[in-house]
N, C-alpha and C. Protein backbone atom coordinates (compact mmCIF):
# COMPACT_ATOMS: atom_id res chain seq x y z
N MET A 1 -27.01 72.02 -25.07
CA MET A 1 -27.90 70.55 -25.62
C MET A 1 -27.55 70.34 -26.80
N THR A 2 -26.72 70.42 -27.91
CA THR A 2 -26.43 69.74 -28.97
C THR A 2 -25.84 69.08 -29.26
N SER A 3 -24.47 70.00 -28.07
CA SER A 3 -23.61 69.06 -27.95
C SER A 3 -23.55 67.87 -27.33
N LEU A 4 -24.09 67.91 -26.33
CA LEU A 4 -24.69 66.69 -25.46
C LEU A 4 -25.18 65.97 -26.34
N LEU A 5 -26.14 66.08 -27.05
CA LEU A 5 -27.08 65.17 -28.28
C LEU A 5 -26.21 64.18 -28.82
N SER A 6 -24.98 65.47 -29.33
CA SER A 6 -24.51 64.67 -30.57
C SER A 6 -22.99 63.97 -29.87
N ARG A 7 -22.81 64.41 -28.56
CA ARG A 7 -22.17 63.22 -27.92
C ARG A 7 -22.47 62.04 -27.54
N GLN A 8 -23.84 61.74 -27.43
CA GLN A 8 -24.41 60.75 -26.76
C GLN A 8 -25.18 59.57 -28.09
N ILE A 9 -24.98 60.45 -29.05
CA ILE A 9 -25.11 60.06 -30.50
C ILE A 9 -23.82 58.78 -30.92
N GLU A 10 -23.15 59.91 -30.72
CA GLU A 10 -21.43 59.32 -31.32
C GLU A 10 -20.91 58.37 -30.43
N ARG A 11 -21.10 58.52 -29.55
CA ARG A 11 -20.67 57.31 -28.21
C ARG A 11 -21.06 55.68 -28.50
N PRO A 12 -22.25 55.33 -29.60
CA PRO A 12 -22.42 53.86 -29.57
C PRO A 12 -21.73 53.55 -30.55
N ALA A 13 -21.40 54.92 -31.72
CA ALA A 13 -20.89 54.61 -32.98
C ALA A 13 -19.18 53.78 -32.72
N LEU A 14 -19.12 54.38 -31.14
CA LEU A 14 -17.36 53.77 -30.79
C LEU A 14 -17.22 52.49 -30.54
N ALA A 15 -18.20 52.14 -30.49
CA ALA A 15 -18.13 50.42 -29.70
C ALA A 15 -17.44 49.19 -30.81
N PRO A 16 -18.29 49.36 -32.26
CA PRO A 16 -17.34 48.45 -33.10
C PRO A 16 -16.36 48.62 -33.00
N SER A 17 -15.55 50.20 -33.28
CA SER A 17 -14.09 50.52 -33.60
C SER A 17 -13.17 49.70 -32.25
N SER A 18 -13.94 50.05 -31.55
CA SER A 18 -13.39 49.45 -29.84
C SER A 18 -13.40 48.11 -29.97
N ARG A 19 -14.10 47.30 -30.50
CA ARG A 19 -13.65 45.94 -30.30
C ARG A 19 -13.03 45.67 -31.84
N LEU A 20 -13.28 46.71 -32.48
CA LEU A 20 -11.78 45.52 -33.88
C LEU A 20 -10.52 46.05 -33.30
N GLN A 21 -10.15 47.39 -32.10
CA GLN A 21 -9.40 47.60 -31.72
C GLN A 21 -8.51 46.88 -30.64
N GLY A 22 -9.57 46.19 -29.65
CA GLY A 22 -9.23 45.06 -29.14
C GLY A 22 -8.93 43.97 -29.95
N LEU A 23 -9.72 43.44 -31.07
CA LEU A 23 -9.49 42.26 -31.84
C LEU A 23 -7.73 42.53 -32.67
N ARG A 24 -7.54 43.96 -32.68
CA ARG A 24 -6.28 44.05 -33.22
C ARG A 24 -4.96 43.84 -32.08
N ASP A 25 -5.30 44.27 -31.14
CA ASP A 25 -4.73 44.29 -30.16
C ASP A 25 -4.23 42.80 -29.42
N GLY A 26 -5.00 41.85 -29.74
CA GLY A 26 -5.03 40.36 -29.40
C GLY A 26 -5.34 40.12 -28.27
N LYS A 27 -6.36 40.81 -27.64
CA LYS A 27 -7.14 40.31 -26.19
C LYS A 27 -7.80 39.68 -26.55
N LEU A 28 -8.90 39.93 -27.32
CA LEU A 28 -10.05 38.77 -27.62
C LEU A 28 -9.45 37.15 -28.32
N PRO A 29 -8.78 36.94 -28.77
CA PRO A 29 -7.93 35.88 -29.13
C PRO A 29 -7.57 35.28 -28.12
N ARG A 30 -6.67 36.18 -27.44
CA ARG A 30 -6.13 35.03 -26.26
C ARG A 30 -6.92 34.93 -24.94
N ARG A 31 -8.14 35.77 -24.87
CA ARG A 31 -9.14 35.51 -24.19
C ARG A 31 -9.87 34.00 -24.34
N LEU A 32 -10.22 33.84 -25.60
CA LEU A 32 -10.75 32.51 -26.06
C LEU A 32 -9.70 31.69 -26.31
N ALA A 33 -8.55 31.85 -26.22
CA ALA A 33 -7.64 30.83 -26.08
C ALA A 33 -7.80 30.31 -24.71
N VAL A 34 -7.60 31.37 -23.75
CA VAL A 34 -7.94 30.81 -21.98
C VAL A 34 -9.04 30.29 -21.77
N ALA A 35 -9.90 30.95 -22.36
CA ALA A 35 -10.89 29.93 -22.08
C ALA A 35 -11.12 28.54 -22.54
N ALA A 36 -10.75 28.45 -23.41
CA ALA A 36 -10.56 27.01 -24.19
C ALA A 36 -9.54 26.30 -24.00
N LEU A 37 -8.59 26.84 -23.23
CA LEU A 37 -7.50 25.84 -22.39
C LEU A 37 -8.00 25.29 -21.21
N ILE A 38 -8.83 26.53 -20.57
CA ILE A 38 -9.42 26.08 -19.02
C ILE A 38 -10.57 24.50 -19.30
N LEU A 39 -11.39 25.41 -20.16
CA LEU A 39 -12.44 24.42 -20.29
C LEU A 39 -11.88 22.26 -20.77
N MET A 40 -10.56 22.63 -21.31
CA MET A 40 -10.03 21.22 -21.82
C MET A 40 -9.31 20.92 -20.60
N LEU A 41 -9.08 21.75 -19.60
CA LEU A 41 -8.48 21.09 -18.48
C LEU A 41 -9.46 20.59 -17.41
N ALA A 42 -10.42 21.16 -17.18
CA ALA A 42 -11.77 21.08 -16.50
C ALA A 42 -11.99 19.54 -17.06
N PHE A 43 -12.34 19.44 -17.91
CA PHE A 43 -12.78 17.73 -19.21
C PHE A 43 -11.90 17.40 -18.54
N LEU A 44 -10.70 17.15 -18.86
CA LEU A 44 -9.25 16.61 -18.12
C LEU A 44 -9.87 15.75 -16.92
N SER A 45 -10.04 16.62 -16.08
CA SER A 45 -9.78 16.23 -14.69
C SER A 45 -11.30 15.82 -14.02
N LEU A 46 -12.18 16.87 -14.52
CA LEU A 46 -13.08 16.67 -13.58
C LEU A 46 -13.72 15.46 -14.65
N TYR A 47 -13.90 14.61 -15.61
CA TYR A 47 -14.12 13.48 -16.14
C TYR A 47 -13.47 11.95 -15.54
N PRO A 48 -12.74 11.96 -15.54
CA PRO A 48 -11.83 11.04 -15.14
C PRO A 48 -12.35 10.66 -13.69
N LEU A 49 -12.48 12.03 -12.69
CA LEU A 49 -12.86 12.01 -11.49
C LEU A 49 -14.15 11.56 -11.45
N SER A 50 -15.05 12.13 -12.23
CA SER A 50 -16.75 11.95 -12.30
C SER A 50 -16.78 9.82 -12.37
N MET A 51 -16.21 9.79 -13.38
CA MET A 51 -16.06 8.06 -13.42
C MET A 51 -15.16 7.69 -12.09
N LEU A 52 -14.36 7.94 -12.09
CA LEU A 52 -14.08 7.13 -10.62
C LEU A 52 -15.19 7.03 -9.19
N LEU A 53 -15.49 8.71 -9.25
CA LEU A 53 -16.65 8.35 -8.42
C LEU A 53 -17.90 7.36 -8.82
N TYR A 54 -18.09 7.27 -9.97
CA TYR A 54 -19.60 6.25 -10.59
C TYR A 54 -18.86 4.67 -10.32
N GLY A 55 -17.99 4.50 -10.64
CA GLY A 55 -17.19 3.60 -10.26
C GLY A 55 -17.42 3.18 -8.86
N SER A 56 -17.16 3.84 -7.70
CA SER A 56 -16.93 3.84 -6.66
C SER A 56 -18.27 3.19 -5.91
N LEU A 57 -19.26 3.79 -6.09
CA LEU A 57 -20.69 3.94 -6.04
C LEU A 57 -21.38 2.88 -7.06
N HIS A 58 -21.23 1.67 -7.68
CA HIS A 58 -21.38 1.11 -8.94
C HIS A 58 -20.74 -0.15 -8.32
N THR A 59 -21.56 -1.30 -8.40
CA THR A 59 -21.56 -2.40 -8.48
C THR A 59 -20.54 -2.60 -10.13
N THR A 60 -21.06 -2.50 -11.19
CA THR A 60 -20.29 -2.70 -12.34
C THR A 60 -19.34 -1.79 -12.86
N PRO A 61 -18.46 -1.61 -13.96
CA PRO A 61 -17.78 -0.23 -14.46
C PRO A 61 -18.94 -0.12 -15.22
N PRO A 62 -18.78 1.53 -15.60
CA PRO A 62 -19.55 2.23 -16.69
C PRO A 62 -20.09 1.64 -17.89
N GLY A 63 -21.27 1.57 -18.53
CA GLY A 63 -21.74 0.66 -19.09
C GLY A 63 -22.28 -0.57 -19.20
N ILE A 64 -21.78 -0.88 -17.93
CA ILE A 64 -22.40 -2.47 -17.50
C ILE A 64 -23.49 -2.63 -16.96
N ALA A 65 -24.56 -3.52 -17.18
CA ALA A 65 -25.80 -3.25 -15.88
C ALA A 65 -25.11 -3.24 -14.66
N GLY A 66 -25.47 -2.94 -13.62
CA GLY A 66 -25.24 -3.04 -12.19
C GLY A 66 -26.01 -2.27 -10.77
N SER A 67 -25.72 -2.34 -10.40
CA SER A 67 -26.77 -1.34 -8.99
C SER A 67 -25.49 -0.53 -8.16
N PHE A 68 -26.17 0.07 -7.50
CA PHE A 68 -25.46 1.53 -6.87
C PHE A 68 -25.54 0.79 -5.12
N ASP A 69 -24.42 0.93 -4.93
CA ASP A 69 -24.66 0.44 -3.16
C ASP A 69 -22.77 0.85 -2.85
N LEU A 70 -22.49 0.91 -1.79
CA LEU A 70 -21.63 0.98 -0.87
C LEU A 70 -20.50 -0.03 -0.43
N SER A 71 -20.62 -1.15 -0.85
CA SER A 71 -20.11 -1.97 -0.81
C SER A 71 -18.79 -2.06 -1.05
N GLY A 72 -18.23 -1.31 -2.14
CA GLY A 72 -17.11 -0.81 -2.27
C GLY A 72 -16.50 -0.40 -0.61
N TYR A 73 -16.56 0.84 -0.45
CA TYR A 73 -16.65 1.58 0.74
C TYR A 73 -16.46 0.50 1.98
N ARG A 74 -17.33 -0.52 2.27
CA ARG A 74 -16.95 -0.99 3.20
C ARG A 74 -15.70 -2.41 2.80
N GLN A 75 -15.47 -2.63 1.79
CA GLN A 75 -13.78 -3.49 1.61
C GLN A 75 -13.08 -2.75 2.09
N VAL A 76 -13.31 -1.29 1.61
CA VAL A 76 -11.90 -0.69 1.67
C VAL A 76 -11.66 -0.38 3.41
N LEU A 77 -12.90 -0.04 4.13
CA LEU A 77 -12.79 0.31 5.40
C LEU A 77 -12.74 -0.99 6.56
N THR A 78 -11.51 -1.35 6.27
CA THR A 78 -10.81 -2.65 7.08
C THR A 78 -9.86 -2.12 7.68
N TRP A 79 -9.46 -3.41 8.60
CA TRP A 79 -8.11 -3.67 9.65
C TRP A 79 -6.83 -3.40 8.72
N PRO A 80 -7.11 -4.28 8.03
CA PRO A 80 -5.80 -4.22 7.10
C PRO A 80 -5.28 -2.95 6.18
N THR A 81 -6.65 -2.48 5.37
CA THR A 81 -6.59 -1.31 4.77
C THR A 81 -6.19 0.03 5.82
N ALA A 82 -6.62 0.08 7.15
CA ALA A 82 -5.92 0.45 8.35
C ALA A 82 -4.93 0.74 8.47
N VAL A 83 -4.33 -0.38 8.71
CA VAL A 83 -2.36 -0.69 8.86
C VAL A 83 -1.68 -0.18 7.53
N LEU A 84 -2.21 -0.48 6.00
CA LEU A 84 -1.38 0.11 5.27
C LEU A 84 -1.56 1.78 4.92
N PHE A 85 -2.81 2.21 5.52
CA PHE A 85 -2.49 3.79 6.04
C PHE A 85 -1.59 4.14 6.78
N ALA A 86 -1.50 3.65 8.13
CA ALA A 86 -0.61 3.73 9.30
C ALA A 86 0.72 3.90 8.55
N ASN A 87 0.78 2.87 7.86
CA ASN A 87 2.45 2.66 7.42
C ASN A 87 2.72 3.76 6.72
N THR A 88 2.08 4.07 5.14
CA THR A 88 2.27 5.23 4.43
C THR A 88 2.06 6.53 5.04
N VAL A 89 1.25 6.88 6.23
CA VAL A 89 1.39 7.87 6.89
C VAL A 89 3.06 8.15 7.91
N GLY A 90 3.37 6.84 8.30
CA GLY A 90 4.39 6.81 9.15
C GLY A 90 5.77 6.90 8.48
N ILE A 91 5.49 6.29 7.01
CA ILE A 91 6.84 6.42 6.32
C ILE A 91 7.11 7.91 5.33
N SER A 92 6.20 8.38 5.62
CA SER A 92 5.59 9.89 5.00
C SER A 92 6.52 11.02 5.94
N LEU A 93 5.84 10.70 6.98
CA LEU A 93 6.37 11.73 8.11
C LEU A 93 7.93 11.32 8.66
N LEU A 94 8.19 10.34 8.78
CA LEU A 94 9.54 9.95 8.81
C LEU A 94 10.27 10.55 7.67
N LYS A 95 10.03 10.42 6.71
CA LYS A 95 10.78 10.58 5.24
C LYS A 95 10.94 12.50 5.27
N THR A 96 9.97 13.00 5.40
CA THR A 96 9.71 14.65 5.74
C THR A 96 10.86 15.15 6.87
N ILE A 97 10.28 14.37 7.83
CA ILE A 97 11.51 14.77 9.34
C ILE A 97 13.30 14.61 8.67
N ILE A 98 13.35 13.66 8.15
CA ILE A 98 14.81 13.44 7.62
C ILE A 98 15.43 14.10 6.66
N SER A 99 14.85 14.34 5.71
CA SER A 99 14.73 15.20 4.74
C SER A 99 14.40 16.62 4.50
N LEU A 100 13.97 16.93 6.06
CA LEU A 100 14.14 18.37 6.00
C LEU A 100 15.31 19.08 7.22
N ALA A 101 15.73 17.90 8.16
CA ALA A 101 17.03 17.85 8.53
C ALA A 101 18.08 17.80 7.46
N LEU A 102 18.39 17.36 6.78
CA LEU A 102 19.38 17.23 5.66
C LEU A 102 19.72 18.44 4.93
N ALA A 103 18.33 18.51 4.69
CA ALA A 103 18.58 19.35 3.26
C ALA A 103 18.76 20.95 4.56
N VAL A 104 17.88 21.40 5.80
CA VAL A 104 18.54 22.11 6.46
C VAL A 104 20.49 22.16 6.86
N LEU A 105 20.32 21.26 6.94
CA LEU A 105 22.30 20.98 6.97
C LEU A 105 22.98 21.22 5.68
N PHE A 106 22.55 20.84 4.43
CA PHE A 106 23.37 21.13 3.38
C PHE A 106 23.42 22.31 3.19
N GLY A 107 21.99 22.69 3.64
CA GLY A 107 22.00 24.38 2.75
C GLY A 107 22.42 25.46 3.64
N TRP A 108 23.12 24.57 4.97
CA TRP A 108 23.60 25.64 6.08
C TRP A 108 25.73 25.50 5.60
N ILE A 109 25.87 24.57 5.12
CA ILE A 109 26.84 24.11 4.37
C ILE A 109 27.45 24.76 3.17
N ILE A 110 26.33 25.04 2.68
CA ILE A 110 26.49 25.27 0.84
C ILE A 110 26.47 27.11 1.19
N ALA A 111 25.72 27.61 1.70
CA ALA A 111 25.28 28.87 1.97
C ALA A 111 26.08 29.68 2.80
N ARG A 112 26.53 29.18 4.09
CA ARG A 112 27.12 30.02 5.17
C ARG A 112 28.62 29.36 5.65
N THR A 113 28.82 28.80 5.25
CA THR A 113 30.08 27.92 5.11
C THR A 113 31.16 28.11 4.17
N ASN A 114 32.62 28.13 4.33
CA ASN A 114 33.79 28.09 3.35
C ASN A 114 33.87 26.80 2.74
N THR A 115 32.99 25.76 2.60
CA THR A 115 33.45 24.80 2.72
C THR A 115 33.80 24.71 1.27
N PRO A 116 35.31 23.80 0.91
CA PRO A 116 35.72 23.20 -0.10
C PRO A 116 35.10 22.52 -1.40
N ALA A 117 35.43 22.64 -2.39
CA ALA A 117 33.87 22.59 -3.40
C ALA A 117 32.85 22.89 -3.24
N ARG A 118 32.00 23.59 -2.66
CA ARG A 118 30.65 23.34 -2.54
C ARG A 118 30.23 23.75 -3.72
N GLY A 119 31.03 24.17 -4.91
CA GLY A 119 29.47 24.43 -6.14
C GLY A 119 29.50 23.10 -6.38
N ALA A 120 30.53 22.11 -6.62
CA ALA A 120 30.53 20.37 -6.95
C ALA A 120 29.64 19.62 -5.95
N LEU A 121 29.74 19.99 -4.55
CA LEU A 121 28.63 19.60 -3.48
C LEU A 121 27.30 20.14 -3.97
N GLU A 122 27.08 21.23 -4.34
CA GLU A 122 25.62 21.96 -4.56
C GLU A 122 25.01 20.40 -5.82
N VAL A 123 26.07 20.67 -7.14
CA VAL A 123 25.86 19.90 -8.33
C VAL A 123 25.31 18.47 -7.83
N LEU A 124 26.26 17.59 -6.78
CA LEU A 124 26.05 16.43 -6.41
C LEU A 124 24.48 16.51 -5.52
N ILE A 125 24.20 17.31 -5.00
CA ILE A 125 22.92 17.37 -4.07
C ILE A 125 22.25 17.37 -5.14
N THR A 126 21.88 17.97 -5.95
CA THR A 126 20.42 18.17 -6.73
C THR A 126 20.96 17.12 -8.11
N LEU A 127 21.64 15.95 -7.93
CA LEU A 127 21.71 15.34 -9.00
C LEU A 127 20.51 14.40 -9.05
N PRO A 128 19.76 13.64 -7.89
CA PRO A 128 18.97 12.94 -8.38
C PRO A 128 17.76 13.44 -9.30
N PHE A 129 17.63 15.19 -9.36
CA PHE A 129 16.71 15.93 -10.28
C PHE A 129 16.89 15.19 -11.63
N PHE A 130 17.77 14.71 -11.90
CA PHE A 130 18.14 14.44 -13.11
C PHE A 130 18.20 12.60 -13.49
N VAL A 131 17.76 11.74 -12.65
CA VAL A 131 17.67 10.55 -13.17
C VAL A 131 15.99 10.33 -12.52
N PRO A 132 15.69 9.61 -13.23
CA PRO A 132 14.30 9.12 -12.87
C PRO A 132 14.26 8.27 -11.88
N PRO A 133 13.07 8.47 -10.87
CA PRO A 133 13.14 7.19 -10.08
C PRO A 133 13.35 5.82 -10.26
N ILE A 134 12.51 5.76 -11.27
CA ILE A 134 12.42 3.98 -11.81
C ILE A 134 13.94 3.97 -11.80
N LEU A 135 14.69 4.29 -12.52
CA LEU A 135 15.97 3.78 -12.12
C LEU A 135 16.58 3.68 -11.12
N THR A 136 16.68 4.68 -10.35
CA THR A 136 17.33 4.27 -8.57
C THR A 136 16.28 2.95 -8.20
N ALA A 137 15.22 2.78 -8.79
CA ALA A 137 14.53 1.88 -7.46
C ALA A 137 15.00 0.55 -8.07
N MET A 138 15.01 0.50 -9.49
CA MET A 138 15.69 -0.77 -10.02
C MET A 138 17.33 -1.12 -9.80
N ALA A 139 18.07 -0.16 -9.77
CA ALA A 139 19.48 0.05 -9.17
C ALA A 139 19.35 -0.47 -7.75
N TRP A 140 18.89 0.14 -6.48
CA TRP A 140 18.67 0.04 -5.41
C TRP A 140 18.44 -1.78 -5.20
N GLY A 141 17.21 -2.04 -6.33
CA GLY A 141 16.72 -3.58 -6.02
C GLY A 141 17.95 -4.34 -6.72
N MET A 142 18.72 -4.14 -7.35
CA MET A 142 20.02 -5.26 -7.89
C MET A 142 21.31 -4.70 -6.86
N LEU A 143 21.06 -4.00 -5.89
CA LEU A 143 22.05 -3.70 -4.61
C LEU A 143 22.03 -4.69 -4.03
N GLY A 144 20.33 -4.11 -3.05
CA GLY A 144 19.93 -4.51 -1.90
C GLY A 144 18.78 -4.75 -2.25
N ASN A 145 18.94 -6.19 -2.93
CA ASN A 145 17.87 -7.40 -3.02
C ASN A 145 18.33 -8.47 -1.50
N PRO A 146 17.56 -8.67 -0.87
CA PRO A 146 18.34 -9.78 0.45
C PRO A 146 18.57 -10.73 0.25
N GLN A 147 17.92 -11.33 -1.27
CA GLN A 147 18.64 -12.92 -1.57
C GLN A 147 19.41 -12.68 -2.55
N VAL A 148 19.43 -12.06 -3.62
CA VAL A 148 20.50 -11.90 -5.07
C VAL A 148 21.23 -10.56 -5.06
N GLY A 149 21.06 -9.67 -3.80
CA GLY A 149 21.12 -8.51 -4.46
C GLY A 149 22.97 -8.49 -4.36
N VAL A 150 23.71 -7.49 -4.95
CA VAL A 150 25.21 -7.48 -5.26
C VAL A 150 25.88 -7.22 -3.54
N ILE A 151 25.20 -6.17 -2.71
CA ILE A 151 25.68 -5.28 -1.45
C ILE A 151 25.92 -7.23 -0.72
N ASN A 152 24.21 -7.88 -0.52
CA ASN A 152 24.26 -8.82 0.48
C ASN A 152 25.32 -10.18 -0.17
N LEU A 153 25.33 -10.08 -1.77
CA LEU A 153 26.30 -11.54 -2.05
C LEU A 153 27.94 -11.38 -1.52
N ALA A 154 28.38 -9.93 -1.62
CA ALA A 154 29.46 -9.85 -1.41
C ALA A 154 29.76 -9.78 -0.03
N TRP A 155 28.59 -10.12 1.20
CA TRP A 155 28.75 -9.76 2.60
C TRP A 155 28.63 -10.78 3.10
N ARG A 156 28.03 -11.96 2.09
CA ARG A 156 28.00 -13.70 2.66
C ARG A 156 29.29 -13.75 2.12
N TRP A 157 29.87 -13.88 0.90
CA TRP A 157 31.27 -14.17 0.46
C TRP A 157 31.94 -13.56 1.24
N ILE A 158 32.24 -12.49 2.46
CA ILE A 158 33.28 -11.84 2.93
C ILE A 158 33.12 -12.61 4.21
N THR A 159 31.94 -12.48 4.66
CA THR A 159 31.87 -12.99 6.57
C THR A 159 31.39 -14.55 6.41
N GLY A 160 31.09 -15.21 5.40
CA GLY A 160 29.88 -16.41 5.40
C GLY A 160 28.84 -16.59 5.96
N SER A 161 28.28 -15.39 6.58
CA SER A 161 26.93 -15.36 7.28
C SER A 161 26.44 -15.72 6.36
N ASP A 162 24.95 -15.81 6.91
CA ASP A 162 23.34 -16.28 6.09
C ASP A 162 22.58 -15.15 6.08
N ASN A 163 22.50 -14.45 6.60
CA ASN A 163 22.13 -13.01 6.85
C ASN A 163 22.37 -11.79 5.97
N ALA A 164 21.22 -11.52 5.75
CA ALA A 164 21.65 -10.21 4.37
C ALA A 164 21.65 -9.06 5.11
N LEU A 165 22.80 -7.99 4.59
CA LEU A 165 23.39 -7.09 5.59
C LEU A 165 22.41 -5.81 5.13
N VAL A 166 21.76 -5.69 3.80
CA VAL A 166 20.86 -4.75 3.53
C VAL A 166 19.90 -5.29 2.66
N ASN A 167 18.46 -4.84 3.49
CA ASN A 167 17.45 -5.22 2.41
C ASN A 167 16.18 -3.99 2.61
N ILE A 168 16.48 -3.31 0.88
CA ILE A 168 16.06 -2.34 0.27
C ILE A 168 14.14 -2.42 0.29
N TYR A 169 13.86 -3.38 0.65
CA TYR A 169 11.97 -3.80 0.59
C TYR A 169 12.02 -3.79 2.07
N SER A 170 12.76 -3.53 3.10
CA SER A 170 12.13 -3.25 4.37
C SER A 170 11.91 -1.41 4.14
N TYR A 171 10.81 -1.43 5.82
CA TYR A 171 11.04 -0.15 6.39
C TYR A 171 11.58 0.86 5.94
N GLY A 172 13.02 0.31 6.71
CA GLY A 172 14.10 1.39 6.42
C GLY A 172 14.88 1.83 4.96
N GLY A 173 14.67 0.57 4.14
CA GLY A 173 14.79 0.75 2.67
C GLY A 173 14.06 1.67 1.88
N VAL A 174 12.97 1.64 2.29
CA VAL A 174 11.89 2.29 1.23
C VAL A 174 12.00 3.87 1.95
N VAL A 175 12.17 4.47 3.22
CA VAL A 175 12.54 5.42 3.64
C VAL A 175 14.00 5.91 2.65
N TRP A 176 14.94 5.07 2.74
CA TRP A 176 16.29 5.39 2.10
C TRP A 176 15.79 6.08 0.74
N HIS A 177 14.89 5.63 -0.17
CA HIS A 177 14.98 5.70 -1.23
C HIS A 177 14.25 6.89 -1.57
N MET A 178 13.20 7.04 -0.73
CA MET A 178 12.60 8.20 -0.53
C MET A 178 13.14 9.23 -0.50
N LEU A 179 14.17 9.30 0.24
CA LEU A 179 15.46 10.43 0.71
C LEU A 179 15.72 11.43 -0.55
N GLN A 180 16.18 10.01 -0.90
CA GLN A 180 17.23 10.74 -2.35
C GLN A 180 16.53 11.44 -3.10
N TYR A 181 14.96 11.65 -3.27
CA TYR A 181 14.41 12.35 -4.30
C TYR A 181 13.73 13.65 -3.32
N SER A 182 12.84 13.60 -1.73
CA SER A 182 12.81 14.49 -1.34
C SER A 182 13.85 15.72 -0.78
N THR A 183 15.15 15.06 -0.41
CA THR A 183 16.06 16.27 0.27
C THR A 183 16.46 16.84 -1.14
N PRO A 184 16.77 16.55 -2.15
CA PRO A 184 17.42 17.82 -2.82
C PRO A 184 16.04 18.87 -3.33
N PHE A 185 14.97 18.33 -2.85
CA PHE A 185 14.06 19.06 -3.21
C PHE A 185 13.47 19.89 -1.87
N LEU A 186 13.97 19.92 -0.95
CA LEU A 186 13.71 20.60 -0.19
C LEU A 186 15.25 21.34 0.30
N PHE A 187 16.43 20.96 0.08
CA PHE A 187 17.36 21.82 -0.37
C PHE A 187 17.31 23.00 -0.91
N LEU A 188 16.48 23.00 -2.12
CA LEU A 188 16.22 24.35 -2.95
C LEU A 188 15.71 24.66 -2.85
N PHE A 189 14.90 24.94 -1.49
CA PHE A 189 14.30 26.36 -0.62
C PHE A 189 15.19 26.62 0.48
N VAL A 190 15.55 25.70 0.50
CA VAL A 190 16.67 26.12 2.30
C VAL A 190 17.51 26.77 2.12
N VAL A 191 18.76 26.19 0.90
CA VAL A 191 19.62 27.02 0.61
C VAL A 191 19.23 28.43 0.04
N GLU A 192 18.24 29.03 -0.57
CA GLU A 192 18.13 29.97 -0.70
C GLU A 192 17.58 31.04 0.04
N ALA A 193 16.91 30.19 0.91
CA ALA A 193 16.48 31.05 2.38
C ALA A 193 17.82 31.67 2.87
N PHE A 194 18.83 30.69 2.98
CA PHE A 194 19.97 30.94 3.73
C PHE A 194 20.97 32.27 2.97
N ARG A 195 20.69 31.75 1.51
CA ARG A 195 21.64 32.84 1.26
C ARG A 195 20.91 34.41 1.17
N ALA A 196 19.81 34.61 1.36
CA ALA A 196 18.98 35.38 1.21
C ALA A 196 19.09 35.92 2.67
N MET A 197 19.82 35.37 3.82
CA MET A 197 19.99 35.84 4.72
C MET A 197 20.98 36.84 4.53
N ASP A 198 20.68 38.41 5.65
CA ASP A 198 21.87 39.10 5.61
C ASP A 198 22.68 39.03 6.97
N PRO A 199 23.82 38.87 6.51
CA PRO A 199 24.96 38.57 7.35
C PRO A 199 25.36 39.47 8.01
N ALA A 200 25.19 40.48 7.89
CA ALA A 200 25.12 41.97 8.86
C ALA A 200 24.59 41.63 10.00
N LEU A 201 23.30 41.02 9.92
CA LEU A 201 22.44 40.51 11.24
C LEU A 201 22.83 39.87 12.11
N GLU A 202 23.57 38.73 11.01
CA GLU A 202 24.67 37.96 12.68
C GLU A 202 25.79 38.03 13.27
N GLU A 203 26.09 38.99 12.46
CA GLU A 203 27.30 39.62 13.14
C GLU A 203 26.88 40.68 14.13
N ALA A 204 25.98 41.37 13.81
CA ALA A 204 25.33 42.46 15.11
C ALA A 204 24.89 41.68 16.18
N SER A 205 23.92 40.24 15.73
CA SER A 205 23.85 39.89 17.12
C SER A 205 24.63 38.97 17.82
N ARG A 206 25.95 38.51 16.85
CA ARG A 206 27.35 38.33 17.82
C ARG A 206 27.94 39.29 18.58
N MET A 207 28.28 40.73 17.79
CA MET A 207 28.12 41.37 19.11
C MET A 207 27.17 41.47 19.66
N CYS A 208 26.23 41.43 20.01
CA CYS A 208 25.07 41.85 21.35
C CYS A 208 25.34 40.75 21.99
N GLY A 209 26.35 39.29 21.80
CA GLY A 209 26.30 38.38 22.53
C GLY A 209 26.08 36.81 22.30
N ALA A 210 25.32 37.01 21.32
CA ALA A 210 24.37 35.98 20.88
C ALA A 210 25.56 34.85 20.58
N SER A 211 24.84 33.66 20.67
CA SER A 211 25.95 32.66 20.52
C SER A 211 26.03 32.50 18.90
N GLN A 212 26.85 31.07 18.56
CA GLN A 212 26.30 30.99 16.92
C GLN A 212 25.69 29.71 17.40
């Protein structure tokens, strides 16, 4: 009885020491830092979104007298907006399909074949990651502008034609520029998947009669 009572009396006395131990280990400051970071990120994310939602439901910007209505949504839900949305979805799907096909092809060449200069080719494929998209957009604008692009000026000078050979502002031009960044991104995932495959499985399947 006395030993049990003494243990029950001593247990609460260990609580401050355990807190001090947690403070010495750095757990409490780490938790406070994580909580502060979460609160800061929540504020930086939720506050702009709430102002955006407020502005979409209000006739005037925040701080100016106005009324709440859905006129902004009625202006958005129109046929021209639907056409823009369809074009955006179409460009995204086409770009994704072509990028995935190119990424699989490049990944197979780099990881599963003995193509010469594979290391240099892999560096060239991932090179767009080191170039900002704004620079490539400006460069292609100077090269593929229908009126004053370098490629089109050279084409007119060589052939005497009045038509532009390349139009970077067309549907295909937009897809072409987006391919330059989506293909390397998918390539990094695909090439590692090819490298992780066991060549012994392919050899065993060929021995069993599977085709290449």
